[in-house]
């Protein structure tokens, strides 16, 4: 749930009230005219610096010139008290309430009044019930581990808003960013500006660190996604979903309205990343420096449609091209030989295509994405990283139901991938085949509870050599998410 930053508004309201009350008190204490002169001088300084407007200055100055009955030494006490109560009521009317007139005048046109704060936190517990083979290793879910218990998976805060009709800002921080071994840390997730090239904002240029427009599920916020983590096939293209770069996006007015309606109805949308998008990004991943000076290039087309029945759907295709430098480390082969895999110094050619089809849950929904291409992969002899084929995707069926208890969102997802994990050290081969069965429930919009059972038929342990398989594993996870 989005909340507007009101700290500045509260501070300004408090400042104005204090000034007005000072004016009143000083007026009541006449003939100490030096105090009034000091107050008026302070007001002039605040006016000249832009802290208050000229109109605010006049309003406060008039209060400082309190009615004569308050300052008359021979006025009856009852009369002076009544006059004071009238003035206090007038001040309160100007500085309190849902729409305080004086404060609204002081803050009108200020850019910081258009910046919003929102976010969410995910608190998770996962229990690995059974497995065969190596211990379970889920790259983006540290809780899916026999030695883990409670975990804060994400703690996000987002600052965003329109500075002007031409510039929009977006910044997101994660207070629990590490998903692997080691300490958790505050991390920059997004930091970018959108520059509108026309009055209708159909054309936008995005500069900074943002999500790479590849894969509908990658662009969908984890706040909206029902399954705990993204499917491996799509997420292996851009782990962390973000990178430094620049992109040009175009969205028609009709498509923009569709995106807004989908979001307003709470249909777990992915956001407006353009009907058409073209971009370049460093290619090495979130918060990582480029390694070869050769950007990746991406293009995407995604069209939202609305049927006569009111049903929303979205169809898309995306492609990227670049050279990726995989991180490497020494490994000891089965023959007892220590080897550090080699690769082309410029990186390995990395190319993918993905297709998207989404039928939004009104009430029955379907999501399907599939990707294929060629990318960095460790050879079977573990001596070199070369370009090899990859493919995979996911299919998810879901249902949205509202009743007197709240909103229910049962879902089932098949997650399949046969390729490599280029972001892991040595880019090992990666095979994933599993099914999720879960339900998300929200009694209130601010709090969501999700329970998921996952059956893993096979999953490669890509974090540690030897890169063997976990088979026939079962796990149950519970997550509480609060939105603000």
Protein backbone atom coordinates (compact mmCIF):
# COMPACT_ATOMS: atom_id res chain seq x y z
CA UNK A 1 0.00 0.00 0.00
CA UNK A 2 1.43 3.26 -1.08
CA UNK A 3 1.73 6.10 1.48
CA UNK A 4 2.75 9.66 0.72
CA UNK A 5 5.70 11.19 2.45
CA UNK A 6 4.17 13.63 4.91
CA UNK A 7 7.16 14.45 7.08
CA UNK A 8 7.87 17.68 5.23
CA UNK A 9 4.21 18.62 5.31
CA UNK A 10 4.00 17.94 9.05
CA UNK A 11 7.16 19.96 9.70
CA UNK A 12 5.86 22.90 7.69
CA UNK A 13 2.48 22.75 9.44
CA UNK A 14 4.22 22.72 12.82
CA UNK A 15 6.47 25.62 11.84
CA UNK A 16 3.53 27.73 10.68
CA UNK A 17 1.55 26.96 13.83
CA UNK A 18 4.47 27.92 16.04
CA UNK A 19 4.93 31.17 14.18
CA UNK A 20 1.25 31.98 14.44
CA UNK A 21 1.15 31.16 18.12
CA UNK A 22 4.31 33.21 18.71
CA UNK A 23 2.65 36.07 16.92
CA UNK A 24 -0.41 35.69 19.12
CA UNK A 25 1.54 35.49 22.35
CA UNK A 26 3.76 38.41 21.46
CA UNK A 27 0.72 40.38 20.46
CA UNK A 28 -0.86 39.62 23.83
CA UNK A 29 2.29 40.74 25.63
CA UNK A 30 2.46 44.26 24.20
CA UNK A 31 3.86 46.88 24.65
CA UNK A 32 7.02 44.76 24.19
CA UNK A 33 7.30 46.02 20.60
CA UNK A 34 10.88 44.80 20.15
CA UNK A 35 9.65 41.22 20.30
CA UNK A 36 7.14 41.87 17.55
CA UNK A 37 9.79 43.51 15.44
CA UNK A 38 12.08 40.47 15.88
CA UNK A 39 9.25 38.14 14.90
CA UNK A 40 8.40 40.13 11.80
CA UNK A 41 12.08 40.16 10.84
CA UNK A 42 12.15 36.35 11.18
CA UNK A 43 9.08 36.08 9.00
CA UNK A 44 10.70 38.27 6.37
CA UNK A 45 13.79 36.03 6.31
CA UNK A 46 11.63 32.91 5.91
CA UNK A 47 9.67 34.60 3.14
CA UNK A 48 12.79 35.71 1.31
CA UNK A 49 14.29 32.21 1.50
CA UNK A 50 11.12 30.64 0.12
CA UNK A 51 10.26 28.70 3.31
CA UNK A 52 6.92 30.51 3.43
CA UNK A 53 5.11 32.38 0.70
CA UNK A 54 4.32 36.07 0.62
CA UNK A 55 0.67 35.20 1.32
CA UNK A 56 1.69 33.14 4.37
CA UNK A 57 3.76 36.07 5.58
CA UNK A 58 0.76 38.38 5.38
CA UNK A 59 -1.51 35.88 7.20
CA UNK A 60 0.93 35.50 10.08
CA UNK A 61 1.64 39.25 10.23
CA UNK A 62 -2.07 39.95 10.63
CA UNK A 63 -2.24 37.56 13.56
CA UNK A 64 0.76 39.32 15.12
CA UNK A 65 -1.31 42.50 15.04
CA UNK A 66 -3.74 41.05 17.56
CA UNK A 67 -7.05 42.77 18.33
CA UNK A 68 -6.69 45.68 20.65
CA UNK A 69 -8.95 44.11 23.26
CA UNK A 70 -6.30 41.43 23.94
CA UNK A 71 -3.54 43.94 24.56
CA UNK A 72 -5.48 46.46 26.61
CA UNK A 73 -4.22 46.29 30.20
CA UNK A 74 -7.60 47.42 31.53
CA UNK A 75 -9.66 44.94 29.49
CA UNK A 76 -11.64 42.46 31.63
CA UNK A 77 -9.93 39.00 31.86
CA UNK A 78 -13.04 37.24 30.53
CA UNK A 79 -13.07 39.45 27.44
CA UNK A 80 -9.37 38.88 26.76
CA UNK A 81 -9.78 35.08 27.17
CA UNK A 82 -12.70 35.03 24.73
CA UNK A 83 -10.70 36.98 22.18
CA UNK A 84 -7.77 34.62 22.58
CA UNK A 85 -10.03 31.58 22.04
CA UNK A 86 -11.35 33.11 18.82
CA UNK A 87 -7.82 33.62 17.52
CA UNK A 88 -6.70 30.11 18.50
CA UNK A 89 -9.70 28.65 16.68
CA UNK A 90 -8.81 30.66 13.58
CA UNK A 91 -5.22 29.46 13.72
CA UNK A 92 -6.32 25.84 14.15
CA UNK A 93 -8.63 26.10 11.14
CA UNK A 94 -5.70 27.28 9.04
CA UNK A 95 -3.18 24.65 10.21
CA UNK A 96 -5.09 21.44 10.96
CA UNK A 97 -7.50 19.12 9.23
CA UNK A 98 -7.46 16.89 6.16
CA UNK A 99 -6.92 19.86 3.84
CA UNK A 100 -5.26 22.65 5.83
CA UNK A 101 -5.55 25.77 3.64
CA UNK A 102 -2.48 27.57 4.93
CA UNK A 103 -0.25 24.50 4.69
CA UNK A 104 -1.56 23.65 1.24
CA UNK A 105 -0.67 27.15 0.08
CA UNK A 106 2.82 26.85 1.55
CA UNK A 107 3.49 23.47 -0.08
CA UNK A 108 1.82 24.04 -3.44
CA UNK A 109 4.17 23.29 -6.32
CA UNK A 110 6.93 21.78 -4.16
CA UNK A 111 8.53 18.78 -5.94
CA UNK A 112 8.94 16.75 -2.75
CA UNK A 113 5.17 16.70 -2.29
CA UNK A 114 4.99 14.45 -5.39
CA UNK A 115 7.44 11.81 -4.07
CA UNK A 116 5.82 8.69 -2.59
CA UNK A 117 7.10 6.02 -0.21
CA UNK A 118 5.95 2.40 -0.30
CA UNK A 119 7.37 -1.08 0.11
CA UNK A 120 6.94 -4.58 1.47
CA UNK A 121 8.64 -7.18 3.66
CA UNK A 122 8.62 -10.98 3.26
CA UNK A 123 9.10 -13.17 6.34
CA UNK A 124 9.58 -16.82 5.42
CA UNK A 125 10.01 -20.30 6.88
CA UNK A 126 10.81 -23.40 4.77
CA UNK A 127 11.13 -27.02 5.83
CA UNK A 128 12.85 -29.57 3.56
CA UNK A 129 10.85 -32.74 4.24
CA UNK A 130 12.75 -35.27 2.14
CA UNK A 131 15.39 -35.56 -0.57
CA UNK A 132 17.73 -37.94 -2.35
CA UNK A 133 21.23 -37.13 -3.54
CA UNK A 134 22.98 -33.88 -2.71
CA UNK A 135 21.52 -31.28 -0.30
CA UNK A 136 18.96 -28.97 -1.90
CA UNK A 137 20.36 -25.74 -3.35
CA UNK A 138 17.85 -23.13 -4.60
CA UNK A 139 19.92 -20.13 -5.82
CA UNK A 140 17.47 -17.37 -4.89
CA UNK A 141 15.93 -18.94 -1.78
CA UNK A 142 18.32 -19.40 1.10
CA UNK A 143 15.46 -20.64 3.31
CA UNK A 144 15.16 -23.82 1.17
CA UNK A 145 17.97 -25.40 3.14
CA UNK A 146 18.01 -28.13 5.78
CA UNK A 147 20.04 -25.90 8.11
CA UNK A 148 17.92 -22.75 7.79
CA UNK A 149 14.73 -21.80 9.62
CA UNK A 150 13.28 -18.28 9.73
CA UNK A 151 14.35 -15.73 7.17
CA UNK A 152 13.49 -12.21 5.99
CA UNK A 153 13.72 -12.77 2.25
CA UNK A 154 13.06 -9.20 1.14
CA UNK A 155 12.76 -5.85 2.94
CA UNK A 156 12.05 -3.29 0.25
CA UNK A 157 11.51 0.45 0.41
CA UNK A 158 10.66 2.41 -2.74
CA UNK A 159 10.80 6.16 -3.28
CA UNK A 160 9.20 7.31 -6.52
CA UNK A 161 7.34 10.19 -8.11
CA UNK A 162 7.23 12.84 -10.81
CA UNK A 163 9.64 15.68 -10.20
CA UNK A 164 8.12 17.46 -13.19
CA UNK A 165 6.07 16.68 -16.28
CA UNK A 166 9.27 15.52 -17.97
CA UNK A 167 11.17 13.68 -15.22
CA UNK A 168 10.17 10.79 -12.95
CA UNK A 169 12.42 9.29 -10.27
CA UNK A 170 12.52 5.75 -8.88
CA UNK A 171 14.77 4.37 -6.15
CA UNK A 172 14.48 1.03 -4.37
CA UNK A 173 16.59 -0.34 -1.53
CA UNK A 174 16.61 -3.83 -0.02
CA UNK A 175 17.38 -4.07 3.69
CA UNK A 176 17.99 -7.83 3.46
CA UNK A 177 19.66 -8.25 0.11
CA UNK A 178 21.95 -11.28 0.39
CA UNK A 179 20.38 -14.49 -0.87
CA UNK A 180 23.50 -16.62 -0.59
CA UNK A 181 26.02 -17.31 2.13
CA UNK A 182 27.48 -14.42 4.08
CA UNK A 183 26.10 -11.39 5.84
CA UNK A 184 22.96 -9.55 4.84
CA UNK A 185 23.35 -5.97 3.74
CA UNK A 186 21.55 -2.88 2.53
CA UNK A 187 21.63 -2.95 -1.26
CA UNK A 188 20.67 -0.69 -4.12
CA UNK A 189 18.10 -2.47 -6.29
CA UNK A 190 16.86 0.33 -8.53
CA UNK A 191 18.02 3.87 -9.11
CA UNK A 192 16.89 5.48 -12.35
CA UNK A 193 15.21 8.42 -13.99
CA UNK A 194 12.54 8.34 -16.69
CA UNK A 195 12.71 11.25 -19.12
CA UNK A 196 9.50 11.88 -21.08
CA UNK A 197 10.15 12.98 -24.66
CA UNK A 198 6.60 14.20 -25.36
CA UNK A 199 3.69 15.66 -23.43
CA UNK A 200 1.72 12.42 -23.53
CA UNK A 201 4.72 10.50 -22.15
CA UNK A 202 4.37 7.92 -24.89
CA UNK A 203 8.14 7.92 -25.45
CA UNK A 204 10.43 7.59 -22.43
CA UNK A 205 14.16 7.23 -21.96
CA UNK A 206 15.23 5.34 -18.84
CA UNK A 207 18.75 5.84 -17.48
CA UNK A 208 20.32 4.11 -14.48
CA UNK A 209 19.92 0.75 -12.78
CA UNK A 210 16.60 -0.86 -13.60
CA UNK A 211 15.02 -4.16 -14.56
CA UNK A 212 16.16 -5.51 -17.91
CA UNK A 213 13.06 -5.87 -20.16
CA UNK A 214 13.42 -9.61 -20.70
CA UNK A 215 10.76 -11.97 -19.36
CA UNK A 216 7.35 -10.93 -18.05
CA UNK A 217 7.96 -12.78 -14.78
CA UNK A 218 11.31 -11.02 -14.31
CA UNK A 219 9.62 -7.64 -14.52
CA UNK A 220 6.77 -8.67 -12.23
CA UNK A 221 7.48 -7.45 -8.72
CA UNK A 222 8.06 -10.07 -6.04
CA UNK A 223 5.41 -8.18 -4.12
CA UNK A 224 2.84 -9.34 -6.69
CA UNK A 225 4.15 -12.82 -7.53
CA UNK A 226 2.40 -15.72 -5.76
CA UNK A 227 5.23 -18.34 -5.92
CA UNK A 228 8.16 -17.53 -3.65
CA UNK A 229 10.81 -17.18 -6.37
CA UNK A 230 10.99 -16.70 -10.14
CA UNK A 231 11.36 -19.73 -12.45
CA UNK A 232 14.96 -20.66 -13.18
CA UNK A 233 14.79 -20.61 -16.99
CA UNK A 234 13.79 -16.93 -17.22
CA UNK A 235 15.68 -15.70 -14.17
CA UNK A 236 18.96 -17.33 -15.27
CA UNK A 237 19.04 -14.80 -18.11
CA UNK A 238 19.28 -11.86 -15.69
CA UNK A 239 19.71 -12.93 -12.07
CA UNK A 240 18.64 -10.08 -9.85
CA UNK A 241 16.56 -8.89 -12.85
CA UNK A 242 18.46 -5.57 -12.97
CA UNK A 243 21.50 -4.00 -14.56
CA UNK A 244 22.98 -0.62 -15.43
CA UNK A 245 21.97 0.74 -18.80
CA UNK A 246 19.73 2.87 -20.97
CA UNK A 247 16.50 2.05 -22.75
CA UNK A 248 13.89 3.69 -24.96
CA UNK A 249 10.25 2.72 -24.32
CA UNK A 250 7.05 3.48 -26.16
CA UNK A 251 3.56 2.95 -24.77
CA UNK A 252 0.33 3.95 -26.52
CA UNK A 253 -2.36 5.72 -24.52
CA UNK A 254 -4.65 2.68 -24.87
CA UNK A 255 -1.98 0.28 -23.62
CA UNK A 256 -1.12 2.58 -20.72
CA UNK A 257 -4.76 2.61 -19.64
CA UNK A 258 -4.87 -1.19 -19.85
CA UNK A 259 -1.78 -1.45 -17.64
CA UNK A 260 -3.36 0.92 -15.12
CA UNK A 261 -6.64 -1.00 -15.08
CA UNK A 262 -4.84 -4.32 -14.61
CA UNK A 263 -2.95 -2.87 -11.65
CA UNK A 264 -6.05 -1.22 -10.16
CA UNK A 265 -7.90 -4.54 -10.17
CA UNK A 266 -5.08 -6.28 -8.30
CA UNK A 267 -4.40 -8.82 -11.07
CA UNK A 268 -0.71 -9.34 -10.23
CA UNK A 269 0.60 -7.31 -13.13
CA UNK A 270 4.21 -6.82 -14.22
CA UNK A 271 4.03 -3.06 -14.80
CA UNK A 272 4.45 -0.75 -17.75
CA UNK A 273 7.83 -1.43 -19.36
CA UNK A 274 6.62 -0.27 -22.74
CA UNK A 275 4.72 -1.88 -25.56
CA UNK A 276 8.04 -1.57 -27.39
CA UNK A 277 11.38 -1.35 -25.62
CA UNK A 278 14.96 -1.20 -26.88
CA UNK A 279 17.97 -0.97 -24.62
CA UNK A 280 21.60 -1.59 -23.83
CA UNK A 281 22.96 -2.73 -20.47
CA UNK A 282 26.32 -3.77 -19.05
CA UNK A 283 25.33 -7.44 -18.98
CA UNK A 284 27.21 -8.60 -15.87
CA UNK A 285 24.28 -8.37 -13.47
CA UNK A 286 22.99 -6.44 -10.49
CA UNK A 287 25.58 -4.17 -8.83
CA UNK A 288 28.44 -5.74 -10.79
CA UNK A 289 30.90 -3.80 -12.95
CA UNK A 290 31.24 -4.58 -16.64
CA UNK A 291 34.04 -7.02 -17.46
CA UNK A 292 34.58 -6.54 -21.18
CA UNK A 293 33.29 -3.12 -22.25
CA UNK A 294 30.79 -4.87 -24.53
CA UNK A 295 27.15 -4.07 -23.65
CA UNK A 296 24.27 -6.48 -24.02
CA UNK A 297 21.43 -5.34 -26.29
CA UNK A 298 17.77 -6.14 -25.64
CA UNK A 299 14.49 -5.63 -27.50
CA UNK A 300 10.96 -6.43 -26.36
CA UNK A 301 7.40 -6.15 -27.61
CA UNK A 302 4.49 -6.77 -25.23
CA UNK A 303 0.87 -5.99 -26.04
CA UNK A 304 -1.91 -5.86 -23.42
CA UNK A 305 -5.41 -6.48 -24.79
CA UNK A 306 -8.89 -6.16 -23.32
CA UNK A 307 -11.69 -8.36 -24.62
CA UNK A 308 -15.32 -7.29 -24.86
CA UNK A 309 -16.03 -9.29 -21.70
CA UNK A 310 -13.53 -7.18 -19.78
CA UNK A 311 -10.96 -9.99 -19.69
CA UNK A 312 -7.32 -8.82 -19.90
CA UNK A 313 -4.51 -10.71 -21.63
CA UNK A 314 -0.93 -9.91 -22.61
CA UNK A 315 1.35 -11.36 -25.26
CA UNK A 316 5.02 -10.65 -25.81
CA UNK A 317 8.34 -11.60 -27.30
CA UNK A 318 11.84 -10.51 -26.24
CA UNK A 319 15.42 -11.10 -27.34
CA UNK A 320 18.90 -10.15 -26.13
CA UNK A 321 22.47 -10.45 -27.41
CA UNK A 322 25.86 -9.92 -25.77
CA UNK A 323 29.04 -11.46 -24.45
CA UNK A 324 29.11 -12.62 -20.83
CA UNK A 325 32.22 -13.07 -18.66
CA UNK A 326 31.46 -15.82 -16.13
CA UNK A 327 33.10 -15.74 -12.69
CA UNK A 328 35.53 -18.65 -12.20
CA UNK A 329 37.29 -20.47 -9.40
CA UNK A 330 39.53 -23.49 -9.07
CA UNK A 331 37.84 -26.88 -8.73
CA UNK A 332 39.25 -30.31 -7.99
CA UNK A 333 38.16 -32.91 -10.55
CA UNK A 334 37.38 -36.55 -9.79
CA UNK A 335 40.96 -37.37 -10.78
CA UNK A 336 42.30 -35.13 -8.02
CA UNK A 337 43.50 -32.44 -10.42
CA UNK A 338 42.93 -28.76 -9.56
CA UNK A 339 41.55 -26.90 -12.57
CA UNK A 340 40.38 -23.33 -13.13
CA UNK A 341 38.08 -23.25 -16.18
CA UNK A 342 39.17 -20.93 -18.98
CA UNK A 343 37.03 -18.81 -21.29
CA UNK A 344 37.36 -16.25 -24.04
CA UNK A 345 38.83 -13.08 -22.54
CA UNK A 346 36.04 -11.05 -24.16
CA UNK A 347 33.39 -13.36 -22.70
CA UNK A 348 31.17 -16.05 -24.20
CA UNK A 349 28.46 -15.20 -26.72
CA UNK A 350 25.14 -15.05 -24.87
CA UNK A 351 21.89 -14.98 -26.89
CA UNK A 352 18.28 -15.75 -25.97
CA UNK A 353 14.72 -15.42 -27.17
CA UNK A 354 11.64 -15.68 -24.93
CA UNK A 355 7.90 -15.75 -25.59
CA UNK A 356 5.15 -14.70 -23.18
CA UNK A 357 1.41 -15.37 -22.86
CA UNK A 358 -0.59 -14.17 -19.85
CA UNK A 359 -4.32 -14.59 -19.24
CA UNK A 360 -5.02 -12.50 -16.15
CA UNK A 361 -6.97 -14.16 -13.29
CA UNK A 362 -10.56 -12.94 -13.78
CA UNK A 363 -11.10 -15.29 -12.00
CA UNK A 364 -9.14 -18.08 -13.81
CA UNK A 365 -5.65 -17.16 -14.96
CA UNK A 366 -2.78 -18.65 -16.92
CA UNK A 367 0.87 -17.61 -17.25
CA UNK A 368 3.31 -19.24 -19.67
CA UNK A 369 6.81 -18.24 -20.77
CA UNK A 370 9.45 -20.18 -22.65
CA UNK A 371 13.01 -19.25 -23.56
CA UNK A 372 15.67 -20.83 -25.73
CA UNK A 373 19.11 -19.85 -26.98
CA UNK A 374 22.80 -20.45 -26.39
CA UNK A 375 24.95 -19.25 -23.51
CA UNK A 376 28.07 -19.79 -21.36
CA UNK A 377 28.27 -23.38 -20.10
CA UNK A 378 30.99 -25.41 -18.35
CA UNK A 379 32.20 -28.32 -20.49
CA UNK A 380 31.85 -31.88 -19.17
CA UNK A 381 35.61 -32.04 -18.57
CA UNK A 382 35.34 -28.88 -16.37
CA UNK A 383 38.25 -27.24 -18.19
CA UNK A 384 36.56 -24.57 -20.31
CA UNK A 385 33.41 -22.45 -20.51
CA UNK A 386 31.88 -22.56 -23.98
CA UNK A 387 28.67 -21.67 -25.73
CA UNK A 388 25.98 -24.37 -25.52
CA UNK A 389 22.23 -24.74 -26.08
CA UNK A 390 19.66 -24.00 -23.37
CA UNK A 391 15.88 -24.01 -23.08
CA UNK A 392 13.15 -23.93 -20.48
CA UNK A 393 10.23 -22.03 -19.03
CA UNK A 394 7.19 -22.32 -16.82
CA UNK A 395 3.43 -22.73 -16.94
CA UNK A 396 1.28 -21.47 -14.08
CA UNK A 397 -2.46 -21.86 -13.51
CA UNK A 398 -4.10 -19.67 -10.88
CA UNK A 399 -7.50 -18.62 -9.62
CA UNK A 400 -8.64 -15.50 -7.83
CA UNK A 401 -11.59 -15.66 -5.45
CA UNK A 402 -13.00 -13.05 -3.09
CA UNK A 403 -15.42 -13.87 -0.29
CA UNK A 404 -16.34 -12.69 3.20
CA UNK A 405 -13.07 -14.03 4.62
CA UNK A 406 -10.79 -12.22 2.17
CA UNK A 407 -9.01 -12.79 -1.14
CA UNK A 408 -7.84 -16.31 -2.07
CA UNK A 409 -5.28 -17.03 -4.77
CA UNK A 410 -4.57 -20.77 -5.27
CA UNK A 411 -1.95 -21.59 -7.91
CA UNK A 412 0.08 -24.39 -9.43
CA UNK A 413 3.33 -23.93 -11.40
CA UNK A 414 5.56 -26.23 -13.42
CA UNK A 415 9.17 -24.95 -13.50
CA UNK A 416 11.56 -26.51 -16.03
CA UNK A 417 15.07 -25.61 -17.22
CA UNK A 418 17.79 -27.42 -19.13
CA UNK A 419 20.79 -25.15 -19.62
CA UNK A 420 23.42 -23.47 -17.47
CA UNK A 421 23.67 -20.94 -14.66
CA UNK A 422 26.00 -18.32 -16.11
CA UNK A 423 26.01 -16.14 -12.96
CA UNK A 424 27.32 -18.98 -10.78
CA UNK A 425 31.05 -19.57 -10.56
CA UNK A 426 32.25 -21.60 -13.57
CA UNK A 427 28.81 -21.41 -15.28
CA UNK A 428 27.85 -25.04 -14.44
CA UNK A 429 25.15 -26.93 -16.28
CA UNK A 430 21.77 -26.59 -14.61
CA UNK A 431 18.80 -28.94 -14.76
CA UNK A 432 15.56 -28.10 -12.93
CA UNK A 433 12.21 -29.91 -12.99
CA UNK A 434 9.72 -29.17 -10.21
CA UNK A 435 6.10 -28.35 -9.41
CA UNK A 436 4.69 -25.84 -6.92
CA UNK A 437 1.24 -26.12 -5.32
CA UNK A 438 0.22 -23.18 -3.17
CA UNK A 439 -2.36 -20.72 -1.98
CA UNK A 440 -2.08 -17.03 -1.09
CA UNK A 441 -4.63 -15.51 1.29
CA UNK A 442 -5.17 -11.85 2.21
CA UNK A 443 -7.71 -10.89 4.86
CA UNK A 444 -6.49 -7.32 4.48
CA UNK A 445 -4.60 -5.74 1.59
CA UNK A 446 -1.70 -4.94 3.94
CA UNK A 447 -1.00 -8.56 4.99
CA UNK A 448 -0.71 -11.66 2.78
CA UNK A 449 -0.03 -15.26 3.87
CA UNK A 450 1.24 -17.81 1.35
CA UNK A 451 1.78 -21.54 1.81
CA UNK A 452 3.60 -23.54 -0.88
CA UNK A 453 4.41 -27.22 -1.30
CA UNK A 454 7.21 -27.90 -3.82
CA UNK A 455 8.02 -31.27 -5.32
CA UNK A 456 11.47 -31.29 -6.92
CA UNK A 457 12.03 -34.14 -9.36
CA UNK A 458 15.55 -32.94 -10.09
CA UNK A 459 17.63 -29.83 -9.39
CA UNK A 460 21.33 -29.23 -9.95
CA UNK A 461 23.41 -28.02 -7.02
CA UNK A 462 25.13 -25.13 -8.84
CA UNK A 463 26.71 -23.41 -5.85
CA UNK A 464 29.31 -26.04 -4.98
CA UNK A 465 31.45 -28.48 -6.97
CA UNK A 466 30.75 -31.31 -7.80
CA UNK A 467 27.67 -30.01 -9.56
CA UNK A 468 25.49 -33.03 -8.84
CA UNK A 469 21.75 -33.55 -8.59
CA UNK A 470 19.15 -33.37 -5.83
CA UNK A 471 16.30 -35.77 -6.66
CA UNK A 472 12.80 -36.44 -5.34
CA UNK A 473 12.91 -33.61 -2.80
CA UNK A 474 9.88 -32.18 -1.03
CA UNK A 475 9.64 -28.93 0.90
CA UNK A 476 6.94 -26.78 2.49
CA UNK A 477 7.23 -23.03 2.87
CA UNK A 478 5.15 -20.40 4.67
CA UNK A 479 5.55 -16.69 4.00
CA UNK A 480 3.94 -13.63 5.58
CA UNK A 481 4.20 -10.45 3.53
CA UNK A 482 3.23 -7.04 4.83
CA UNK A 483 2.73 -4.15 2.41
CA UNK A 484 3.10 -0.47 3.23
